[in-house]
Amino acid sequence: MLIRIDNYYDFTQGISSNLSNVGQGPSVQPSNPVPEPLTILGSLAAGSFGVALRRKYNKQQQKRLQKSRKTTQIE
């Protein structure tokens, strides 16, 4: 038979206390800190390198475009 307490049923009635007291759960040891600053700096360096290459490529494209426009105007 279940006993009703505060609109909930007490399902622990009839269970011995050593079964309901399971003790402490497993403990987790903290791992070593992740070297985040180096990762961030590496990402910034790679991004800066990519931006520099893109600017260089765009300048070369503009020079080629200007040369092709000059040659078409002369002809």
PDB file of N, CA and C in Angstrom:
ATOM      1  N   MET A   1       0.833  -1.176   0.000  1.00  0.00           N
ATOM      2  CA  MET A   1       0.000   0.000   0.000  1.00  0.00           C
ATOM      3  C   MET A   1       0.884   1.247   0.000  1.00  0.00           C
ATOM      4  N   LEU A   2       0.538   2.227  -0.814  1.00  0.00           N
ATOM      5  CA  LEU A   2       1.300   3.463  -0.907  1.00  0.00           C
ATOM      6  C   LEU A   2       0.690   4.516  -0.013  1.00  0.00           C
ATOM      7  N   ILE A   3       1.555   5.306   0.609  1.00  0.00           N
ATOM      8  CA  ILE A   3       1.095   6.388   1.474  1.00  0.00           C
ATOM      9  C   ILE A   3       1.203   7.686   0.700  1.00  0.00           C
ATOM     10  N   ARG A   4       0.144   8.453   0.728  1.00  0.00           N
ATOM     11  CA  ARG A   4       0.116   9.718   0.001  1.00  0.00           C
ATOM     12  C   ARG A   4       0.601  10.837   0.918  1.00  0.00           C
ATOM     13  N   ILE A   5       1.667  11.561   0.476  1.00  0.00           N
ATOM     14  CA  ILE A   5       2.226  12.675   1.243  1.00  0.00           C
ATOM     15  C   ILE A   5       2.315  13.868   0.306  1.00  0.00           C
ATOM     16  N   ASP A   6       1.619  14.944   0.617  1.00  0.00           N
ATOM     17  CA  ASP A   6       1.656  16.183  -0.177  1.00  0.00           C
ATOM     18  C   ASP A   6       1.387  15.925  -1.661  1.00  0.00           C
ATOM     19  N   ASN A   7       0.345  15.171  -1.946  1.00  0.00           N
ATOM     20  CA  ASN A   7      -0.072  14.843  -3.311  1.00  0.00           C
ATOM     21  C   ASN A   7       0.957  14.018  -4.083  1.00  0.00           C
ATOM     22  N   TYR A   8       1.914  13.428  -3.397  1.00  0.00           N
ATOM     23  CA  TYR A   8       2.885  12.530  -4.016  1.00  0.00           C
ATOM     24  C   TYR A   8       2.831  11.207  -3.270  1.00  0.00           C
ATOM     25  N   TYR A   9       3.135  10.141  -3.942  1.00  0.00           N
ATOM     26  CA  TYR A   9       3.146   8.838  -3.302  1.00  0.00           C
ATOM     27  C   TYR A   9       4.546   8.531  -2.809  1.00  0.00           C
ATOM     28  N   ASP A  10       4.646   7.933  -1.639  1.00  0.00           N
ATOM     29  CA  ASP A  10       5.940   7.581  -1.057  1.00  0.00           C
ATOM     30  C   ASP A  10       6.294   6.177  -1.522  1.00  0.00           C
ATOM     31  N   PHE A  11       7.156   6.091  -2.523  1.00  0.00           N
ATOM     32  CA  PHE A  11       7.540   4.793  -3.065  1.00  0.00           C
ATOM     33  C   PHE A  11       8.692   4.168  -2.290  1.00  0.00           C
ATOM     34  N   THR A  12       9.248   4.886  -1.315  1.00  0.00           N
ATOM     35  CA  THR A  12      10.364   4.334  -0.551  1.00  0.00           C
ATOM     36  C   THR A  12       9.903   3.493   0.629  1.00  0.00           C
ATOM     37  N   GLN A  13       8.621   3.445   0.870  1.00  0.00           N
ATOM     38  CA  GLN A  13       8.118   2.624   1.978  1.00  0.00           C
ATOM     39  C   GLN A  13       8.370   1.162   1.643  1.00  0.00           C
ATOM     40  N   GLY A  14       8.939   0.441   2.560  1.00  0.00           N
ATOM     41  CA  GLY A  14       9.221  -0.968   2.345  1.00  0.00           C
ATOM     42  C   GLY A  14      10.598  -1.223   1.774  1.00  0.00           C
ATOM     43  N   ILE A  15      11.376  -0.171   1.486  1.00  0.00           N
ATOM     44  CA  ILE A  15      12.739  -0.338   0.988  1.00  0.00           C
ATOM     45  C   ILE A  15      13.681  -0.090   2.152  1.00  0.00           C
ATOM     46  N   SER A  16      14.657  -0.961   2.319  1.00  0.00           N
ATOM     47  CA  SER A  16      15.580  -0.781   3.440  1.00  0.00           C
ATOM     48  C   SER A  16      16.464   0.443   3.202  1.00  0.00           C
ATOM     49  N   SER A  17      16.978   1.016   4.268  1.00  0.00           N
ATOM     50  CA  SER A  17      17.748   2.260   4.170  1.00  0.00           C
ATOM     51  C   SER A  17      19.075   2.058   3.450  1.00  0.00           C
ATOM     52  N   ASN A  18      19.653   0.859   3.490  1.00  0.00           N
ATOM     53  CA  ASN A  18      20.931   0.659   2.802  1.00  0.00           C
ATOM     54  C   ASN A  18      20.749   0.627   1.279  1.00  0.00           C
ATOM     55  N   LEU A  19      19.556   0.372   0.791  1.00  0.00           N
ATOM     56  CA  LEU A  19      19.313   0.420  -0.650  1.00  0.00           C
ATOM     57  C   LEU A  19      19.034   1.839  -1.135  1.00  0.00           C
ATOM     58  N   SER A  20      18.438   2.660  -0.280  1.00  0.00           N
ATOM     59  CA  SER A  20      18.125   4.019  -0.706  1.00  0.00           C
ATOM     60  C   SER A  20      19.292   4.976  -0.504  1.00  0.00           C
ATOM     61  N   ASN A  21      20.278   4.630   0.319  1.00  0.00           N
ATOM     62  CA  ASN A  21      21.451   5.471   0.530  1.00  0.00           C
ATOM     63  C   ASN A  21      22.581   4.914  -0.328  1.00  0.00           C
ATOM     64  N   VAL A  22      22.783   5.472  -1.495  1.00  0.00           N
ATOM     65  CA  VAL A  22      23.776   4.936  -2.428  1.00  0.00           C
ATOM     66  C   VAL A  22      25.144   5.574  -2.258  1.00  0.00           C
ATOM     67  N   GLY A  23      25.266   6.578  -1.425  1.00  0.00           N
ATOM     68  CA  GLY A  23      26.561   7.199  -1.172  1.00  0.00           C
ATOM     69  C   GLY A  23      26.855   8.325  -2.141  1.00  0.00           C
ATOM     70  N   GLN A  24      28.119   8.671  -2.197  1.00  0.00           N
ATOM     71  CA  GLN A  24      28.557   9.795  -3.028  1.00  0.00           C
ATOM     72  C   GLN A  24      28.855   9.308  -4.445  1.00  0.00           C
ATOM     73  N   GLY A  25      28.542  10.124  -5.428  1.00  0.00           N
ATOM     74  CA  GLY A  25      28.816   9.793  -6.816  1.00  0.00           C
ATOM     75  C   GLY A  25      30.298   9.913  -7.129  1.00  0.00           C
ATOM     76  N   PRO A  26      30.690   9.577  -8.334  1.00  0.00           N
ATOM     77  CA  PRO A  26      32.106   9.652  -8.703  1.00  0.00           C
ATOM     78  C   PRO A  26      32.589  11.099  -8.727  1.00  0.00           C
ATOM     79  N   SER A  27      33.824  11.285  -8.325  1.00  0.00           N
ATOM     80  CA  SER A  27      34.389  12.640  -8.350  1.00  0.00           C
ATOM     81  C   SER A  27      35.209  12.813  -9.623  1.00  0.00           C
ATOM     82  N   VAL A  28      35.161  13.991 -10.177  1.00  0.00           N
ATOM     83  CA  VAL A  28      35.876  14.289 -11.419  1.00  0.00           C
ATOM     84  C   VAL A  28      37.006  15.248 -11.096  1.00  0.00           C
ATOM     85  N   GLN A  29      38.208  14.858 -11.463  1.00  0.00           N
ATOM     86  CA  GLN A  29      39.370  15.711 -11.237  1.00  0.00           C
ATOM     87  C   GLN A  29      39.480  16.711 -12.378  1.00  0.00           C
ATOM     88  N   PRO A  30      39.759  17.980 -12.073  1.00  0.00           N
ATOM     89  CA  PRO A  30      39.898  18.972 -13.154  1.00  0.00           C
ATOM     90  C   PRO A  30      41.129  18.674 -14.006  1.00  0.00           C
ATOM     91  N   SER A  31      40.993  18.859 -15.294  1.00  0.00           N
ATOM     92  CA  SER A  31      42.105  18.602 -16.206  1.00  0.00           C
ATOM     93  C   SER A  31      43.046  19.797 -16.227  1.00  0.00           C
ATOM     94  N   ASN A  32      44.154  19.636 -16.931  1.00  0.00           N
ATOM     95  CA  ASN A  32      45.114  20.736 -17.065  1.00  0.00           C
ATOM     96  C   ASN A  32      44.487  21.862 -17.869  1.00  0.00           C
ATOM     97  N   PRO A  33      44.838  23.103 -17.571  1.00  0.00           N
ATOM     98  CA  PRO A  33      44.257  24.224 -18.322  1.00  0.00           C
ATOM     99  C   PRO A  33      44.666  24.185 -19.796  1.00  0.00           C
ATOM    100  N   VAL A  34      43.760  24.591 -20.639  1.00  0.00           N
ATOM    101  CA  VAL A  34      43.992  24.606 -22.083  1.00  0.00           C
ATOM    102  C   VAL A  34      44.751  25.880 -22.442  1.00  0.00           C
ATOM    103  N   PRO A  35      45.761  25.795 -23.290  1.00  0.00           N
ATOM    104  CA  PRO A  35      46.526  26.997 -23.659  1.00  0.00           C
ATOM    105  C   PRO A  35      45.759  27.891 -24.620  1.00  0.00           C
ATOM    106  N   GLU A  36      44.710  28.502 -24.141  1.00  0.00           N
ATOM    107  CA  GLU A  36      43.854  29.338 -24.981  1.00  0.00           C
ATOM    108  C   GLU A  36      44.553  30.552 -25.585  1.00  0.00           C
ATOM    109  N   PRO A  37      45.397  31.272 -24.841  1.00  0.00           N
ATOM    110  CA  PRO A  37      46.013  32.460 -25.450  1.00  0.00           C
ATOM    111  C   PRO A  37      46.815  32.138 -26.708  1.00  0.00           C
ATOM    112  N   LEU A  38      47.520  31.011 -26.703  1.00  0.00           N
ATOM    113  CA  LEU A  38      48.293  30.648 -27.894  1.00  0.00           C
ATOM    114  C   LEU A  38      47.378  30.310 -29.061  1.00  0.00           C
ATOM    115  N   THR A  39      46.286  29.667 -28.784  1.00  0.00           N
ATOM    116  CA  THR A  39      45.335  29.337 -29.841  1.00  0.00           C
ATOM    117  C   THR A  39      44.752  30.605 -30.447  1.00  0.00           C
ATOM    118  N   ILE A  40      44.396  31.542 -29.594  1.00  0.00           N
ATOM    119  CA  ILE A  40      43.825  32.803 -30.077  1.00  0.00           C
ATOM    120  C   ILE A  40      44.863  33.579 -30.879  1.00  0.00           C
ATOM    121  N   LEU A  41      46.097  33.643 -30.371  1.00  0.00           N
ATOM    122  CA  LEU A  41      47.150  34.362 -31.093  1.00  0.00           C
ATOM    123  C   LEU A  41      47.452  33.700 -32.438  1.00  0.00           C
ATOM    124  N   GLY A  42      47.449  32.378 -32.469  1.00  0.00           N
ATOM    125  CA  GLY A  42      47.675  31.672 -33.728  1.00  0.00           C
ATOM    126  C   GLY A  42      46.573  31.951 -34.739  1.00  0.00           C
ATOM    127  N   SER A  43      45.342  31.996 -34.263  1.00  0.00           N
ATOM    128  CA  SER A  43      44.219  32.303 -35.154  1.00  0.00           C
ATOM    129  C   SER A  43      44.317  33.726 -35.691  1.00  0.00           C
ATOM    130  N   LEU A  44      44.695  34.658 -34.824  1.00  0.00           N
ATOM    131  CA  LEU A  44      44.858  36.043 -35.273  1.00  0.00           C
ATOM    132  C   LEU A  44      45.983  36.166 -36.293  1.00  0.00           C
ATOM    133  N   ALA A  45      47.079  35.452 -36.070  1.00  0.00           N
ATOM    134  CA  ALA A  45      48.197  35.505 -37.012  1.00  0.00           C
ATOM    135  C   ALA A  45      47.780  34.937 -38.368  1.00  0.00           C
ATOM    136  N   ALA A  46      47.073  33.823 -38.360  1.00  0.00           N
ATOM    137  CA  ALA A  46      46.622  33.224 -39.618  1.00  0.00           C
ATOM    138  C   ALA A  46      45.635  34.143 -40.328  1.00  0.00           C
ATOM    139  N   GLY A  47      44.737  34.762 -39.573  1.00  0.00           N
ATOM    140  CA  GLY A  47      43.781  35.696 -40.169  1.00  0.00           C
ATOM    141  C   GLY A  47      44.473  36.905 -40.764  1.00  0.00           C
ATOM    142  N   SER A  48      45.464  37.438 -40.060  1.00  0.00           N
ATOM    143  CA  SER A  48      46.213  38.591 -40.574  1.00  0.00           C
ATOM    144  C   SER A  48      46.961  38.231 -41.845  1.00  0.00           C
ATOM    145  N   PHE A  49      47.536  37.046 -41.877  1.00  0.00           N
ATOM    146  CA  PHE A  49      48.248  36.587 -43.064  1.00  0.00           C
ATOM    147  C   PHE A  49      47.286  36.473 -44.244  1.00  0.00           C
ATOM    148  N   GLY A  50      46.092  35.956 -43.996  1.00  0.00           N
ATOM    149  CA  GLY A  50      45.095  35.841 -45.055  1.00  0.00           C
ATOM    150  C   GLY A  50      44.653  37.194 -45.576  1.00  0.00           C
ATOM    151  N   VAL A  51      44.470  38.159 -44.681  1.00  0.00           N
ATOM    152  CA  VAL A  51      44.072  39.509 -45.091  1.00  0.00           C
ATOM    153  C   VAL A  51      45.172  40.148 -45.925  1.00  0.00           C
ATOM    154  N   ALA A  52      46.428  39.971 -45.507  1.00  0.00           N
ATOM    155  CA  ALA A  52      47.551  40.544 -46.252  1.00  0.00           C
ATOM    156  C   ALA A  52      47.631  39.942 -47.656  1.00  0.00           C
ATOM    157  N   LEU A  53      47.444  38.638 -47.765  1.00  0.00           N
ATOM    158  CA  LEU A  53      47.481  37.998 -49.085  1.00  0.00           C
ATOM    159  C   LEU A  53      46.333  38.473 -49.964  1.00  0.00           C
ATOM    160  N   ARG A  54      45.168  38.652 -49.388  1.00  0.00           N
ATOM    161  CA  ARG A  54      44.015  39.122 -50.161  1.00  0.00           C
ATOM    162  C   ARG A  54      44.262  40.538 -50.686  1.00  0.00           C
ATOM    163  N   ARG A  55      44.826  41.403 -49.843  1.00  0.00           N
ATOM    164  CA  ARG A  55      45.121  42.772 -50.287  1.00  0.00           C
ATOM    165  C   ARG A  55      46.136  42.767 -51.420  1.00  0.00           C
ATOM    166  N   LYS A  56      47.151  41.933 -51.280  1.00  0.00           N
ATOM    167  CA  LYS A  56      48.172  41.846 -52.328  1.00  0.00           C
ATOM    168  C   LYS A  56      47.538  41.363 -53.638  1.00  0.00           C
ATOM    169  N   TYR A  57      46.692  40.372 -53.558  1.00  0.00           N
ATOM    170  CA  TYR A  57      46.019  39.838 -54.742  1.00  0.00           C
ATOM    171  C   TYR A  57      45.118  40.899 -55.376  1.00  0.00           C
ATOM    172  N   ASN A  58      44.384  41.641 -54.547  1.00  0.00           N
ATOM    173  CA  ASN A  58      43.500  42.685 -55.072  1.00  0.00           C
ATOM    174  C   ASN A  58      44.287  43.790 -55.763  1.00  0.00           C
ATOM    175  N   LYS A  59      45.446  44.152 -55.216  1.00  0.00           N
ATOM    176  CA  LYS A  59      46.286  45.174 -55.854  1.00  0.00           C
ATOM    177  C   LYS A  59      46.778  44.690 -57.210  1.00  0.00           C
ATOM    178  N   GLN A  60      47.173  43.422 -57.278  1.00  0.00           N
ATOM    179  CA  GLN A  60      47.627  42.866 -58.557  1.00  0.00           C
ATOM    180  C   GLN A  60      46.487  42.858 -59.571  1.00  0.00           C
ATOM    181  N   GLN A  61      45.299  42.525 -59.136  1.00  0.00           N
ATOM    182  CA  GLN A  61      44.145  42.516 -60.033  1.00  0.00           C
ATOM    183  C   GLN A  61      43.841  43.923 -60.549  1.00  0.00           C
ATOM    184  N   GLN A  62      43.949  44.923 -59.672  1.00  0.00           N
ATOM    185  CA  GLN A  62      43.691  46.301 -60.086  1.00  0.00           C
ATOM    186  C   GLN A  62      44.727  46.759 -61.104  1.00  0.00           C
ATOM    187  N   LYS A  63      45.991  46.390 -60.902  1.00  0.00           N
ATOM    188  CA  LYS A  63      47.038  46.764 -61.855  1.00  0.00           C
ATOM    189  C   LYS A  63      46.773  46.118 -63.213  1.00  0.00           C
ATOM    190  N   ARG A  64      46.375  44.863 -63.212  1.00  0.00           N
ATOM    191  CA  ARG A  64      46.073  44.173 -64.467  1.00  0.00           C
ATOM    192  C   ARG A  64      44.890  44.829 -65.163  1.00  0.00           C
ATOM    193  N   LEU A  65      43.884  45.203 -64.393  1.00  0.00           N
ATOM    194  CA  LEU A  65      42.709  45.851 -64.962  1.00  0.00           C
ATOM    195  C   LEU A  65      43.080  47.191 -65.588  1.00  0.00           C
ATOM    196  N   GLN A  66      43.916  47.973 -64.895  1.00  0.00           N
ATOM    197  CA  GLN A  66      44.332  49.272 -65.411  1.00  0.00           C
ATOM    198  C   GLN A  66      45.151  49.110 -66.685  1.00  0.00           C
ATOM    199  N   LYS A  67      46.025  48.104 -66.733  1.00  0.00           N
ATOM    200  CA  LYS A  67      46.826  47.859 -67.933  1.00  0.00           C
ATOM    201  C   LYS A  67      45.926  47.474 -69.104  1.00  0.00           C
ATOM    202  N   SER A  68      44.945  46.622 -68.828  1.00  0.00           N
ATOM    203  CA  SER A  68      44.067  46.190 -69.914  1.00  0.00           C
ATOM    204  C   SER A  68      43.195  47.352 -70.399  1.00  0.00           C
ATOM    205  N   ARG A  69      42.808  48.249 -69.518  1.00  0.00           N
ATOM    206  CA  ARG A  69      42.023  49.414 -69.925  1.00  0.00           C
ATOM    207  C   ARG A  69      42.862  50.362 -70.771  1.00  0.00           C
ATOM    208  N   LYS A  70      44.131  50.534 -70.383  1.00  0.00           N
ATOM    209  CA  LYS A  70      45.012  51.416 -71.147  1.00  0.00           C
ATOM    210  C   LYS A  70      45.243  50.865 -72.549  1.00  0.00           C
ATOM    211  N   THR A  71      45.437  49.567 -72.658  1.00  0.00           N
ATOM    212  CA  THR A  71      45.687  48.989 -73.980  1.00  0.00           C
ATOM    213  C   THR A  71      44.436  49.044 -74.849  1.00  0.00           C
ATOM    214  N   THR A  72      43.262  48.921 -74.255  1.00  0.00           N
ATOM    215  CA  THR A  72      42.037  49.000 -75.060  1.00  0.00           C
ATOM    216  C   THR A  72      41.756  50.441 -75.482  1.00  0.00           C
ATOM    217  N   GLN A  73      42.174  51.417 -74.683  1.00  0.00           N
ATOM    218  CA  GLN A  73      41.965  52.817 -75.042  1.00  0.00           C
ATOM    219  C   GLN A  73      42.903  53.232 -76.169  1.00  0.00           C
ATOM    220  N   ILE A  74      44.108  52.690 -76.191  1.00  0.00           N
ATOM    221  CA  ILE A  74      45.087  53.042 -77.225  1.00  0.00           C
ATOM    222  C   ILE A  74      44.646  52.486 -78.573  1.00  0.00           C
ATOM    223  N   GLU A  75      44.115  51.311 -78.603  1.00  0.00           N
ATOM    224  CA  GLU A  75      43.727  50.678 -79.871  1.00  0.00           C
ATOM    225  C   GLU A  75      42.542  51.325 -80.428  1.00  0.00           C
TER     226      GLU A  75
END
